[in-house]
Amino acid sequence: MSSGESTDRGRERSVPPGLGGIHHVTAIAGDPQQNVDFYAGTLGLRLVKQTVNYDDPGTYHLYFGDAVGHPGTILTFFPWPGAPQGRHGVGQATGISFSVPPDSLGFWESRLKSRGIKFERLDSPFDESVIEFSDPDGLQLELVADVRKDLGDPWPGASVPVARAIRGFHSVALLERSPDDTERLLAEVMGFRRVQAAGHRRRYAAGDGGLATYVDVVGAPDAPAGRVAVGTVHHVAWRAATEDAQHAWRQRLLDMGLNVTPVRDRQYFRSIYYHEPGGVLFEIATDPPGFTIDEPPEALGTALRLPAWLEPRRQTLEAHLPALRIPRAGSGQEAHPHAP
């Protein structure tokens, strides 16, 4: 056996347990109240956590998801009021798609129209019926009629009927100037498999191919570079089942020559970060411990939660952060103003 063969086989043996698909997606918003009104009110997601950006505690970090914020349903935001508008372009995740039941698109068209939200009904390159629209900050969203069964755990307390509700993520789209490099990382390093291709778009799947396991790589060699600010995605996080699996993935990525951060404690999961070749910031986040470690399931998202190291600053942070009004569970109406 040659030394090259030995190295290749050693790398094969070192491949950790497979990544389970999308853990969460984090984006930049403008006004936090507008953000809550849209995602918890219009889209019917549950605000599962009010906390702060641990790297910039003067700003909120808001988490939206299903009943308890299962991985694969979590869309999070850093709201930066007054920050400049971002630009969609290469080197970014430029599209976030949610799965909805296949017979619910008519409901969603009526709901969006009643709220003055512009949308377009069309077929995706992979023959899926979708509704395309943007949130108030310009973030590009889709609702995909997903024919797969037994997907997700929508929150019964939402203003959207469970039978019509968002199940979780369907996919994210990465806009790339040189897509081959990104595809090699996904397939040869991260263990994704290519499942469909159409024109400049190639779909990869992770895990069991269920909810929140698709990522579309879109080649756009002539598109301008993106700029991360309001209305754009900050990063995409992939699922690791345990901390041991995450450590193994960190070592694998380092062995492949990627620059990976140390493990960071995000309270509800542990995180490592790295950039894929096209520039999109990736994260690998652990499934545990989850969002119920500091709030019971029935109270998720109703109060400002801080890690122990920020508790001494609570009074100052609460005075700085704007109060949020949370849509009343099950009514679609706002509850009384709730201070953080």
C-alpha atoms as a PDB file:
ATOM      1  CA  MET A   1       0.000   0.000   0.000  1.00  0.00           C
ATOM      2  CA  SER A   2       1.351   3.410  -0.917  1.00  0.00           C
ATOM      3  CA  SER A   3       1.601   6.245   1.603  1.00  0.00           C
ATOM      4  CA  GLY A   4      -1.059   8.119  -0.402  1.00  0.00           C
ATOM      5  CA  GLU A   5      -3.456   5.164  -0.091  1.00  0.00           C
ATOM      6  CA  SER A   6      -2.743   4.977   3.627  1.00  0.00           C
ATOM      7  CA  THR A   7      -3.554   8.649   4.059  1.00  0.00           C
ATOM      8  CA  ASP A   8      -6.792   8.335   2.081  1.00  0.00           C
ATOM      9  CA  ARG A   9      -7.924   5.346   4.111  1.00  0.00           C
ATOM     10  CA  GLY A  10      -7.015   7.118   7.317  1.00  0.00           C
ATOM     11  CA  ARG A  11      -9.200  10.018   6.295  1.00  0.00           C
ATOM     12  CA  GLU A  12     -12.048   7.641   5.518  1.00  0.00           C
ATOM     13  CA  ARG A  13     -11.766   6.105   8.986  1.00  0.00           C
ATOM     14  CA  SER A  14     -11.794   9.561  10.550  1.00  0.00           C
ATOM     15  CA  VAL A  15     -15.128  10.607   9.020  1.00  0.00           C
ATOM     16  CA  PRO A  16     -17.423  11.420  11.972  1.00  0.00           C
ATOM     17  CA  PRO A  17     -21.093  10.472  12.244  1.00  0.00           C
ATOM     18  CA  GLY A  18     -23.053  12.224   9.505  1.00  0.00           C
ATOM     19  CA  LEU A  19     -24.324  15.755   9.863  1.00  0.00           C
ATOM     20  CA  GLY A  20     -28.076  15.752  10.290  1.00  0.00           C
ATOM     21  CA  GLY A  21     -28.961  18.655   8.010  1.00  0.00           C
ATOM     22  CA  ILE A  22     -29.834  22.228   8.945  1.00  0.00           C
ATOM     23  CA  HIS A  23     -29.741  23.044  12.655  1.00  0.00           C
ATOM     24  CA  HIS A  24     -30.627  26.747  12.320  1.00  0.00           C
ATOM     25  CA  VAL A  25     -30.219  29.747  10.064  1.00  0.00           C
ATOM     26  CA  THR A  26     -29.285  33.167  11.441  1.00  0.00           C
ATOM     27  CA  ALA A  27     -30.081  36.415   9.633  1.00  0.00           C
ATOM     28  CA  ILE A  28     -29.876  40.163  10.221  1.00  0.00           C
ATOM     29  CA  ALA A  29     -33.055  42.159  10.871  1.00  0.00           C
ATOM     30  CA  GLY A  30     -33.758  45.840  11.394  1.00  0.00           C
ATOM     31  CA  ASP A  31     -36.475  46.692  13.912  1.00  0.00           C
ATOM     32  CA  PRO A  32     -36.985  43.868  16.459  1.00  0.00           C
ATOM     33  CA  GLN A  33     -40.713  44.499  16.935  1.00  0.00           C
ATOM     34  CA  GLN A  34     -41.329  44.342  13.195  1.00  0.00           C
ATOM     35  CA  ASN A  35     -39.356  41.103  13.147  1.00  0.00           C
ATOM     36  CA  VAL A  36     -41.477  39.543  15.910  1.00  0.00           C
ATOM     37  CA  ASP A  37     -44.723  40.731  14.333  1.00  0.00           C
ATOM     38  CA  PHE A  38     -43.825  39.106  11.013  1.00  0.00           C
ATOM     39  CA  TYR A  39     -42.378  35.764  12.098  1.00  0.00           C
ATOM     40  CA  ALA A  40     -44.498  35.079  15.188  1.00  0.00           C
ATOM     41  CA  GLY A  41     -47.592  36.893  13.887  1.00  0.00           C
ATOM     42  CA  THR A  42     -47.807  36.519  10.103  1.00  0.00           C
ATOM     43  CA  LEU A  43     -45.868  33.264   9.680  1.00  0.00           C
ATOM     44  CA  GLY A  44     -47.055  31.699  12.929  1.00  0.00           C
ATOM     45  CA  LEU A  45     -43.670  30.533  14.178  1.00  0.00           C
ATOM     46  CA  ARG A  46     -43.136  30.394  17.912  1.00  0.00           C
ATOM     47  CA  LEU A  47     -40.757  32.862  19.529  1.00  0.00           C
ATOM     48  CA  VAL A  48     -38.891  30.229  21.504  1.00  0.00           C
ATOM     49  CA  LYS A  49     -36.157  32.411  22.979  1.00  0.00           C
ATOM     50  CA  GLN A  50     -35.457  36.039  23.744  1.00  0.00           C
ATOM     51  CA  THR A  51     -31.801  36.509  24.533  1.00  0.00           C
ATOM     52  CA  VAL A  52     -28.936  38.716  23.341  1.00  0.00           C
ATOM     53  CA  ASN A  53     -26.122  38.384  20.862  1.00  0.00           C
ATOM     54  CA  TYR A  54     -23.391  37.027  23.122  1.00  0.00           C
ATOM     55  CA  ASP A  55     -20.743  38.736  20.986  1.00  0.00           C
ATOM     56  CA  ASP A  56     -22.664  42.047  21.036  1.00  0.00           C
ATOM     57  CA  PRO A  57     -24.940  41.967  24.119  1.00  0.00           C
ATOM     58  CA  GLY A  58     -26.500  45.332  23.387  1.00  0.00           C
ATOM     59  CA  THR A  59     -28.577  43.701  20.649  1.00  0.00           C
ATOM     60  CA  TYR A  60     -31.250  41.007  20.821  1.00  0.00           C
ATOM     61  CA  HIS A  61     -30.879  37.486  19.544  1.00  0.00           C
ATOM     62  CA  LEU A  62     -34.378  36.226  18.745  1.00  0.00           C
ATOM     63  CA  TYR A  63     -35.124  32.562  17.979  1.00  0.00           C
ATOM     64  CA  PHE A  64     -38.224  31.365  16.115  1.00  0.00           C
ATOM     65  CA  GLY A  65     -39.182  27.741  15.558  1.00  0.00           C
ATOM     66  CA  ASP A  66     -41.708  25.015  16.221  1.00  0.00           C
ATOM     67  CA  ALA A  67     -43.312  24.106  19.546  1.00  0.00           C
ATOM     68  CA  VAL A  68     -39.997  23.729  21.401  1.00  0.00           C
ATOM     69  CA  GLY A  69     -37.473  24.916  18.820  1.00  0.00           C
ATOM     70  CA  HIS A  70     -36.367  21.558  17.481  1.00  0.00           C
ATOM     71  CA  PRO A  71     -33.215  21.658  15.325  1.00  0.00           C
ATOM     72  CA  GLY A  72     -34.259  22.053  11.716  1.00  0.00           C
ATOM     73  CA  THR A  73     -36.974  24.605  12.549  1.00  0.00           C
ATOM     74  CA  ILE A  74     -34.963  27.442  14.096  1.00  0.00           C
ATOM     75  CA  LEU A  75     -34.645  30.778  12.307  1.00  0.00           C
ATOM     76  CA  THR A  76     -32.787  33.324  14.416  1.00  0.00           C
ATOM     77  CA  PHE A  77     -32.169  37.042  14.067  1.00  0.00           C
ATOM     78  CA  PHE A  78     -29.793  39.727  15.218  1.00  0.00           C
ATOM     79  CA  PRO A  79     -31.975  42.875  15.002  1.00  0.00           C
ATOM     80  CA  TRP A  80     -29.840  45.955  14.361  1.00  0.00           C
ATOM     81  CA  PRO A  81     -32.150  48.983  14.220  1.00  0.00           C
ATOM     82  CA  GLY A  82     -30.769  51.659  11.926  1.00  0.00           C
ATOM     83  CA  ALA A  83     -28.157  49.384  10.355  1.00  0.00           C
ATOM     84  CA  PRO A  84     -27.617  49.614   6.561  1.00  0.00           C
ATOM     85  CA  GLN A  85     -29.440  47.395   4.111  1.00  0.00           C
ATOM     86  CA  GLY A  86     -27.514  44.360   2.940  1.00  0.00           C
ATOM     87  CA  ARG A  87     -27.044  43.202  -0.626  1.00  0.00           C
ATOM     88  CA  HIS A  88     -27.896  39.736  -1.893  1.00  0.00           C
ATOM     89  CA  GLY A  89     -25.090  38.228  -3.925  1.00  0.00           C
ATOM     90  CA  VAL A  90     -22.492  35.513  -4.280  1.00  0.00           C
ATOM     91  CA  GLY A  91     -20.864  34.222  -1.134  1.00  0.00           C
ATOM     92  CA  GLN A  92     -24.183  34.216   0.693  1.00  0.00           C
ATOM     93  CA  ALA A  93     -27.099  31.991   1.540  1.00  0.00           C
ATOM     94  CA  THR A  94     -29.652  33.947  -0.471  1.00  0.00           C
ATOM     95  CA  GLY A  95     -32.814  31.898  -0.047  1.00  0.00           C
ATOM     96  CA  ILE A  96     -34.557  30.262   2.933  1.00  0.00           C
ATOM     97  CA  SER A  97     -37.288  27.752   2.117  1.00  0.00           C
ATOM     98  CA  PHE A  98     -39.842  26.376   4.575  1.00  0.00           C
ATOM     99  CA  SER A  99     -41.834  23.160   4.200  1.00  0.00           C
ATOM    100  CA  VAL A 100     -45.625  23.440   4.360  1.00  0.00           C
ATOM    101  CA  PRO A 101     -48.316  20.804   3.688  1.00  0.00           C
ATOM    102  CA  PRO A 102     -48.961  20.426  -0.053  1.00  0.00           C
ATOM    103  CA  ASP A 103     -52.607  21.547   0.197  1.00  0.00           C
ATOM    104  CA  SER A 104     -51.828  24.726   2.163  1.00  0.00           C
ATOM    105  CA  LEU A 105     -50.518  27.098  -0.528  1.00  0.00           C
ATOM    106  CA  GLY A 106     -53.963  28.611  -1.113  1.00  0.00           C
ATOM    107  CA  PHE A 107     -54.226  29.384   2.599  1.00  0.00           C
ATOM    108  CA  TRP A 108     -50.833  31.072   2.555  1.00  0.00           C
ATOM    109  CA  GLU A 109     -51.630  33.097  -0.555  1.00  0.00           C
ATOM    110  CA  SER A 110     -54.747  34.464   1.139  1.00  0.00           C
ATOM    111  CA  ARG A 111     -52.870  35.149   4.364  1.00  0.00           C
ATOM    112  CA  LEU A 112     -50.031  37.017   2.680  1.00  0.00           C
ATOM    113  CA  LYS A 113     -52.410  38.967   0.450  1.00  0.00           C
ATOM    114  CA  SER A 114     -54.536  40.046   3.438  1.00  0.00           C
ATOM    115  CA  ARG A 115     -51.414  41.509   5.023  1.00  0.00           C
ATOM    116  CA  GLY A 116     -50.292  43.366   1.914  1.00  0.00           C
ATOM    117  CA  ILE A 117     -47.291  41.113   1.317  1.00  0.00           C
ATOM    118  CA  LYS A 118     -46.283  40.716  -2.316  1.00  0.00           C
ATOM    119  CA  PHE A 119     -45.653  37.151  -3.430  1.00  0.00           C
ATOM    120  CA  GLU A 120     -45.308  35.000  -6.519  1.00  0.00           C
ATOM    121  CA  ARG A 121     -46.598  31.462  -7.030  1.00  0.00           C
ATOM    122  CA  LEU A 122     -44.356  29.375  -9.270  1.00  0.00           C
ATOM    123  CA  ASP A 123     -42.691  26.024  -9.800  1.00  0.00           C
ATOM    124  CA  SER A 124     -39.120  25.493  -8.637  1.00  0.00           C
ATOM    125  CA  PRO A 125     -36.440  24.029 -10.948  1.00  0.00           C
ATOM    126  CA  PHE A 126     -37.213  20.717  -9.224  1.00  0.00           C
ATOM    127  CA  ASP A 127     -40.958  20.846 -10.018  1.00  0.00           C
ATOM    128  CA  GLU A 128     -42.058  21.875  -6.541  1.00  0.00           C
ATOM    129  CA  SER A 129     -44.919  24.340  -6.106  1.00  0.00           C
ATOM    130  CA  VAL A 130     -43.627  27.316  -4.136  1.00  0.00           C
ATOM    131  CA  ILE A 131     -44.612  30.763  -2.960  1.00  0.00           C
ATOM    132  CA  GLU A 132     -41.783  33.312  -3.102  1.00  0.00           C
ATOM    133  CA  PHE A 133     -41.868  36.486  -0.989  1.00  0.00           C
ATOM    134  CA  SER A 134     -39.674  38.624   1.249  1.00  0.00           C
ATOM    135  CA  ASP A 135     -39.881  39.622   4.890  1.00  0.00           C
ATOM    136  CA  PRO A 136     -40.137  43.338   5.810  1.00  0.00           C
ATOM    137  CA  ASP A 137     -36.330  43.654   5.732  1.00  0.00           C
ATOM    138  CA  GLY A 138     -35.957  42.066   2.287  1.00  0.00           C
ATOM    139  CA  LEU A 139     -34.883  38.578   3.374  1.00  0.00           C
ATOM    140  CA  GLN A 140     -35.830  36.157   0.589  1.00  0.00           C
ATOM    141  CA  LEU A 141     -38.212  33.391   1.676  1.00  0.00           C
ATOM    142  CA  GLU A 142     -40.131  30.519   0.108  1.00  0.00           C
ATOM    143  CA  LEU A 143     -42.941  28.235   1.193  1.00  0.00           C
ATOM    144  CA  VAL A 144     -42.580  24.844  -0.511  1.00  0.00           C
ATOM    145  CA  ALA A 145     -45.499  22.442  -0.907  1.00  0.00           C
ATOM    146  CA  ASP A 146     -43.793  19.409   0.615  1.00  0.00           C
ATOM    147  CA  VAL A 147     -45.405  16.066  -0.226  1.00  0.00           C
ATOM    148  CA  ARG A 148     -43.330  14.121   2.306  1.00  0.00           C
ATOM    149  CA  LYS A 149     -45.271  12.760   5.293  1.00  0.00           C
ATOM    150  CA  ASP A 150     -44.902  13.195   9.059  1.00  0.00           C
ATOM    151  CA  LEU A 151     -42.757  16.313   8.913  1.00  0.00           C
ATOM    152  CA  GLY A 152     -42.323  18.555  11.911  1.00  0.00           C
ATOM    153  CA  ASP A 153     -44.107  19.522  15.093  1.00  0.00           C
ATOM    154  CA  PRO A 154     -45.917  22.874  14.583  1.00  0.00           C
ATOM    155  CA  TRP A 155     -46.890  24.857  17.655  1.00  0.00           C
ATOM    156  CA  PRO A 156     -50.614  24.404  18.424  1.00  0.00           C
ATOM    157  CA  GLY A 157     -50.659  27.808  20.103  1.00  0.00           C
ATOM    158  CA  ALA A 158     -49.845  29.699  16.902  1.00  0.00           C
ATOM    159  CA  SER A 159     -52.248  31.894  14.958  1.00  0.00           C
ATOM    160  CA  VAL A 160     -51.873  29.557  11.957  1.00  0.00           C
ATOM    161  CA  PRO A 161     -53.855  26.266  12.001  1.00  0.00           C
ATOM    162  CA  VAL A 162     -51.627  23.260  12.584  1.00  0.00           C
ATOM    163  CA  ALA A 163     -52.871  21.662   9.363  1.00  0.00           C
ATOM    164  CA  ARG A 164     -51.498  24.650   7.375  1.00  0.00           C
ATOM    165  CA  ALA A 165     -48.494  25.569   9.480  1.00  0.00           C
ATOM    166  CA  ILE A 166     -44.820  25.761   8.591  1.00  0.00           C
ATOM    167  CA  ARG A 167     -43.125  22.475   9.479  1.00  0.00           C
ATOM    168  CA  GLY A 168     -39.531  23.674   9.508  1.00  0.00           C
ATOM    169  CA  PHE A 169     -36.877  24.270   6.892  1.00  0.00           C
ATOM    170  CA  HIS A 170     -37.097  22.687   3.492  1.00  0.00           C
ATOM    171  CA  SER A 171     -33.740  23.974   2.190  1.00  0.00           C
ATOM    172  CA  VAL A 172     -31.303  26.841   1.942  1.00  0.00           C
ATOM    173  CA  ALA A 173     -29.772  28.135  -1.295  1.00  0.00           C
ATOM    174  CA  LEU A 174     -26.110  29.121  -1.546  1.00  0.00           C
ATOM    175  CA  LEU A 175     -25.208  31.554  -4.341  1.00  0.00           C
ATOM    176  CA  GLU A 176     -21.694  30.780  -5.554  1.00  0.00           C
ATOM    177  CA  ARG A 177     -19.294  32.232  -8.102  1.00  0.00           C
ATOM    178  CA  SER A 178     -17.317  28.949  -8.256  1.00  0.00           C
ATOM    179  CA  PRO A 179     -19.831  26.296  -7.178  1.00  0.00           C
ATOM    180  CA  ASP A 180     -17.543  23.316  -7.822  1.00  0.00           C
ATOM    181  CA  ASP A 181     -15.405  24.155  -4.791  1.00  0.00           C
ATOM    182  CA  THR A 182     -18.437  24.384  -2.530  1.00  0.00           C
ATOM    183  CA  GLU A 183     -19.840  21.146  -3.910  1.00  0.00           C
ATOM    184  CA  ARG A 184     -16.578  19.342  -3.219  1.00  0.00           C
ATOM    185  CA  LEU A 185     -16.683  20.483   0.402  1.00  0.00           C
ATOM    186  CA  LEU A 186     -20.280  19.352   0.814  1.00  0.00           C
ATOM    187  CA  ALA A 187     -19.805  15.977  -0.876  1.00  0.00           C
ATOM    188  CA  GLU A 188     -16.227  14.969  -0.125  1.00  0.00           C
ATOM    189  CA  VAL A 189     -15.747  16.470   3.328  1.00  0.00           C
ATOM    190  CA  MET A 190     -19.158  17.018   4.931  1.00  0.00           C
ATOM    191  CA  GLY A 191     -20.812  13.861   3.636  1.00  0.00           C
ATOM    192  CA  PHE A 192     -23.727  15.388   1.702  1.00  0.00           C
ATOM    193  CA  ARG A 193     -24.969  13.576  -1.401  1.00  0.00           C
ATOM    194  CA  ARG A 194     -26.184  15.094  -4.648  1.00  0.00           C
ATOM    195  CA  VAL A 195     -29.829  14.238  -5.278  1.00  0.00           C
ATOM    196  CA  GLN A 196     -30.991  16.559  -8.093  1.00  0.00           C
ATOM    197  CA  ALA A 197     -29.648  18.976 -10.669  1.00  0.00           C
ATOM    198  CA  ALA A 198     -31.285  21.501 -12.999  1.00  0.00           C
ATOM    199  CA  GLY A 199     -29.391  24.135 -14.951  1.00  0.00           C
ATOM    200  CA  HIS A 200     -27.106  26.080 -12.623  1.00  0.00           C
ATOM    201  CA  ARG A 201     -28.745  24.614  -9.513  1.00  0.00           C
ATOM    202  CA  ARG A 202     -27.662  21.421  -7.753  1.00  0.00           C
ATOM    203  CA  ARG A 203     -29.389  19.990  -4.689  1.00  0.00           C
ATOM    204  CA  TYR A 204     -27.557  18.117  -1.957  1.00  0.00           C
ATOM    205  CA  ALA A 205     -29.052  16.212   0.960  1.00  0.00           C
ATOM    206  CA  ALA A 206     -27.755  15.336   4.392  1.00  0.00           C
ATOM    207  CA  GLY A 207     -28.884  12.758   6.899  1.00  0.00           C
ATOM    208  CA  ASP A 208     -32.054  10.854   6.107  1.00  0.00           C
ATOM    209  CA  GLY A 209     -33.281  13.334   3.498  1.00  0.00           C
ATOM    210  CA  GLY A 210     -36.185  14.391   5.712  1.00  0.00           C
ATOM    211  CA  LEU A 211     -37.108  17.814   7.065  1.00  0.00           C
ATOM    212  CA  ALA A 212     -34.361  20.459   6.841  1.00  0.00           C
ATOM    213  CA  THR A 213     -31.830  18.300   5.004  1.00  0.00           C
ATOM    214  CA  TYR A 214     -31.571  19.998   1.580  1.00  0.00           C
ATOM    215  CA  VAL A 215     -29.080  22.609   0.435  1.00  0.00           C
ATOM    216  CA  ASP A 216     -29.111  24.017  -3.105  1.00  0.00           C
ATOM    217  CA  VAL A 217     -25.851  25.237  -4.630  1.00  0.00           C
ATOM    218  CA  VAL A 218     -26.575  27.851  -7.296  1.00  0.00           C
ATOM    219  CA  GLY A 219     -23.846  28.895  -9.724  1.00  0.00           C
ATOM    220  CA  ALA A 220     -23.821  32.625 -10.525  1.00  0.00           C
ATOM    221  CA  PRO A 221     -20.374  33.505 -11.914  1.00  0.00           C
ATOM    222  CA  ASP A 222     -21.401  37.013 -12.987  1.00  0.00           C
ATOM    223  CA  ALA A 223     -23.433  38.043  -9.936  1.00  0.00           C
ATOM    224  CA  PRO A 224     -22.114  40.764  -7.605  1.00  0.00           C
ATOM    225  CA  ALA A 225     -20.694  39.904  -4.210  1.00  0.00           C
ATOM    226  CA  GLY A 226     -23.163  39.938  -1.353  1.00  0.00           C
ATOM    227  CA  ARG A 227     -22.914  42.241   1.649  1.00  0.00           C
ATOM    228  CA  VAL A 228     -24.105  40.912   5.020  1.00  0.00           C
ATOM    229  CA  ALA A 229     -26.337  43.497   6.710  1.00  0.00           C
ATOM    230  CA  VAL A 230     -30.080  43.982   7.233  1.00  0.00           C
ATOM    231  CA  GLY A 231     -32.174  41.572   5.161  1.00  0.00           C
ATOM    232  CA  THR A 232     -29.458  38.971   4.571  1.00  0.00           C
ATOM    233  CA  VAL A 233     -28.373  35.653   6.058  1.00  0.00           C
ATOM    234  CA  HIS A 234     -25.482  35.784   8.510  1.00  0.00           C
ATOM    235  CA  HIS A 235     -24.733  32.054   8.660  1.00  0.00           C
ATOM    236  CA  VAL A 236     -26.101  28.552   8.188  1.00  0.00           C
ATOM    237  CA  ALA A 237     -25.684  25.967  10.955  1.00  0.00           C
ATOM    238  CA  TRP A 238     -25.568  22.198  10.460  1.00  0.00           C
ATOM    239  CA  ARG A 239     -26.550  19.579  13.048  1.00  0.00           C
ATOM    240  CA  ALA A 240     -24.189  17.447  15.113  1.00  0.00           C
ATOM    241  CA  ALA A 241     -25.961  14.967  17.368  1.00  0.00           C
ATOM    242  CA  THR A 242     -23.509  15.245  20.271  1.00  0.00           C
ATOM    243  CA  GLU A 243     -20.550  17.266  21.500  1.00  0.00           C
ATOM    244  CA  ASP A 244     -18.267  14.306  20.744  1.00  0.00           C
ATOM    245  CA  ALA A 245     -19.475  14.303  17.141  1.00  0.00           C
ATOM    246  CA  GLN A 246     -18.894  18.041  16.932  1.00  0.00           C
ATOM    247  CA  HIS A 247     -15.321  17.667  18.203  1.00  0.00           C
ATOM    248  CA  ALA A 248     -14.726  14.960  15.610  1.00  0.00           C
ATOM    249  CA  TRP A 249     -16.073  17.221  12.852  1.00  0.00           C
ATOM    250  CA  ARG A 250     -13.862  20.064  14.023  1.00  0.00           C
ATOM    251  CA  GLN A 251     -10.804  17.840  13.754  1.00  0.00           C
ATOM    252  CA  ARG A 252     -11.839  16.598  10.314  1.00  0.00           C
ATOM    253  CA  LEU A 253     -12.298  20.139   9.021  1.00  0.00           C
ATOM    254  CA  LEU A 254      -8.934  21.177  10.452  1.00  0.00           C
ATOM    255  CA  ASP A 255      -7.332  18.147   8.822  1.00  0.00           C
ATOM    256  CA  MET A 256      -8.790  19.296   5.512  1.00  0.00           C
ATOM    257  CA  GLY A 257      -7.100  22.675   5.878  1.00  0.00           C
ATOM    258  CA  LEU A 258     -10.111  24.764   6.936  1.00  0.00           C
ATOM    259  CA  ASN A 259      -9.841  27.491   9.534  1.00  0.00           C
ATOM    260  CA  VAL A 260     -12.263  26.466  12.300  1.00  0.00           C
ATOM    261  CA  THR A 261     -13.004  28.334  15.524  1.00  0.00           C
ATOM    262  CA  PRO A 262     -12.738  26.741  18.941  1.00  0.00           C
ATOM    263  CA  VAL A 263     -15.996  25.426  20.404  1.00  0.00           C
ATOM    264  CA  ARG A 264     -18.192  28.257  21.657  1.00  0.00           C
ATOM    265  CA  ASP A 265     -20.904  27.874  24.269  1.00  0.00           C
ATOM    266  CA  ARG A 266     -24.190  29.308  22.964  1.00  0.00           C
ATOM    267  CA  GLN A 267     -26.113  28.128  26.042  1.00  0.00           C
ATOM    268  CA  TYR A 268     -28.693  26.138  24.052  1.00  0.00           C
ATOM    269  CA  PHE A 269     -26.111  24.412  21.857  1.00  0.00           C
ATOM    270  CA  ARG A 270     -22.339  24.380  21.281  1.00  0.00           C
ATOM    271  CA  SER A 271     -20.947  25.880  18.085  1.00  0.00           C
ATOM    272  CA  ILE A 272     -17.953  25.878  15.781  1.00  0.00           C
ATOM    273  CA  TYR A 273     -17.653  28.181  12.743  1.00  0.00           C
ATOM    274  CA  TYR A 274     -15.802  28.127   9.411  1.00  0.00           C
ATOM    275  CA  HIS A 275     -16.186  29.592   5.926  1.00  0.00           C
ATOM    276  CA  GLU A 276     -16.883  27.379   2.938  1.00  0.00           C
ATOM    277  CA  PRO A 277     -14.755  28.097  -0.184  1.00  0.00           C
ATOM    278  CA  GLY A 278     -17.279  30.534  -1.666  1.00  0.00           C
ATOM    279  CA  GLY A 279     -17.412  32.627   1.495  1.00  0.00           C
ATOM    280  CA  VAL A 280     -20.634  31.544   3.219  1.00  0.00           C
ATOM    281  CA  LEU A 281     -20.190  31.278   6.990  1.00  0.00           C
ATOM    282  CA  PHE A 282     -21.023  27.761   8.175  1.00  0.00           C
ATOM    283  CA  GLU A 283     -21.555  26.570  11.720  1.00  0.00           C
ATOM    284  CA  ILE A 284     -21.832  23.101  13.195  1.00  0.00           C
ATOM    285  CA  ALA A 285     -24.122  23.185  16.238  1.00  0.00           C
ATOM    286  CA  THR A 286     -25.019  20.435  18.689  1.00  0.00           C
ATOM    287  CA  ASP A 287     -28.606  19.254  19.062  1.00  0.00           C
ATOM    288  CA  PRO A 288     -28.487  19.362  22.890  1.00  0.00           C
ATOM    289  CA  PRO A 289     -29.130  20.847  25.335  1.00  0.00           C
ATOM    290  CA  GLY A 290     -32.020  22.735  23.685  1.00  0.00           C
ATOM    291  CA  PHE A 291     -34.216  25.682  24.669  1.00  0.00           C
ATOM    292  CA  THR A 292     -35.959  24.251  27.735  1.00  0.00           C
ATOM    293  CA  ILE A 293     -32.867  24.337  29.956  1.00  0.00           C
ATOM    294  CA  ASP A 294     -33.835  27.751  31.359  1.00  0.00           C
ATOM    295  CA  GLU A 295     -37.598  27.950  30.620  1.00  0.00           C
ATOM    296  CA  PRO A 296     -40.388  25.360  30.798  1.00  0.00           C
ATOM    297  CA  PRO A 297     -41.944  24.497  27.424  1.00  0.00           C
ATOM    298  CA  GLU A 298     -45.115  26.480  28.125  1.00  0.00           C
ATOM    299  CA  ALA A 299     -43.140  29.668  28.880  1.00  0.00           C
ATOM    300  CA  LEU A 300     -40.637  29.626  26.018  1.00  0.00           C
ATOM    301  CA  GLY A 301     -39.829  33.057  24.618  1.00  0.00           C
ATOM    302  CA  THR A 302     -41.770  35.055  27.184  1.00  0.00           C
ATOM    303  CA  ALA A 303     -38.860  36.662  29.045  1.00  0.00           C
ATOM    304  CA  LEU A 304     -35.311  37.819  28.429  1.00  0.00           C
ATOM    305  CA  ARG A 305     -32.887  35.003  29.163  1.00  0.00           C
ATOM    306  CA  LEU A 306     -29.207  35.665  29.792  1.00  0.00           C
ATOM    307  CA  PRO A 307     -26.236  33.367  30.357  1.00  0.00           C
ATOM    308  CA  ALA A 308     -24.800  33.438  33.865  1.00  0.00           C
ATOM    309  CA  TRP A 309     -21.874  35.620  32.806  1.00  0.00           C
ATOM    310  CA  LEU A 310     -24.231  38.350  31.594  1.00  0.00           C
ATOM    311  CA  GLU A 311     -26.643  38.305  34.547  1.00  0.00           C
ATOM    312  CA  PRO A 312     -24.668  41.030  36.400  1.00  0.00           C
ATOM    313  CA  ARG A 313     -25.443  43.316  33.430  1.00  0.00           C
ATOM    314  CA  ARG A 314     -29.168  42.504  33.271  1.00  0.00           C
ATOM    315  CA  GLN A 315     -30.418  45.871  34.517  1.00  0.00           C
ATOM    316  CA  THR A 316     -28.251  47.778  32.040  1.00  0.00           C
ATOM    317  CA  LEU A 317     -29.184  45.514  29.137  1.00  0.00           C
ATOM    318  CA  GLU A 318     -32.907  45.656  29.900  1.00  0.00           C
ATOM    319  CA  ALA A 319     -32.741  49.445  29.991  1.00  0.00           C
ATOM    320  CA  HIS A 320     -31.055  49.486  26.575  1.00  0.00           C
ATOM    321  CA  LEU A 321     -33.114  46.864  24.722  1.00  0.00           C
ATOM    322  CA  PRO A 322     -36.518  47.963  23.383  1.00  0.00           C
ATOM    323  CA  ALA A 323     -39.595  46.352  24.926  1.00  0.00           C
ATOM    324  CA  LEU A 324     -41.213  43.683  22.760  1.00  0.00           C
ATOM    325  CA  ARG A 325     -44.918  42.917  22.328  1.00  0.00           C
ATOM    326  CA  ILE A 326     -45.403  39.213  21.692  1.00  0.00           C
ATOM    327  CA  PRO A 327     -48.398  38.053  19.600  1.00  0.00           C
ATOM    328  CA  ARG A 328     -50.951  36.399  21.853  1.00  0.00           C
ATOM    329  CA  ALA A 329     -50.850  32.617  21.566  1.00  0.00           C
ATOM    330  CA  GLY A 330     -53.554  31.245  19.315  1.00  0.00           C
ATOM    331  CA  SER A 331     -55.165  34.587  18.540  1.00  0.00           C
ATOM    332  CA  GLY A 332     -52.959  36.395  16.086  1.00  0.00           C
ATOM    333  CA  GLN A 333     -53.416  39.456  18.323  1.00  0.00           C
ATOM    334  CA  GLU A 334     -50.724  41.207  20.287  1.00  0.00           C
ATOM    335  CA  ALA A 335     -50.503  40.680  24.025  1.00  0.00           C
ATOM    336  CA  HIS A 336     -49.849  43.570  26.363  1.00  0.00           C
ATOM    337  CA  PRO A 337     -46.380  45.138  25.967  1.00  0.00           C
ATOM    338  CA  HIS A 338     -43.822  42.872  27.523  1.00  0.00           C
ATOM    339  CA  ALA A 339     -40.593  44.388  28.778  1.00  0.00           C
ATOM    340  CA  PRO A 340     -37.505  42.237  28.397  1.00  0.00           C
END
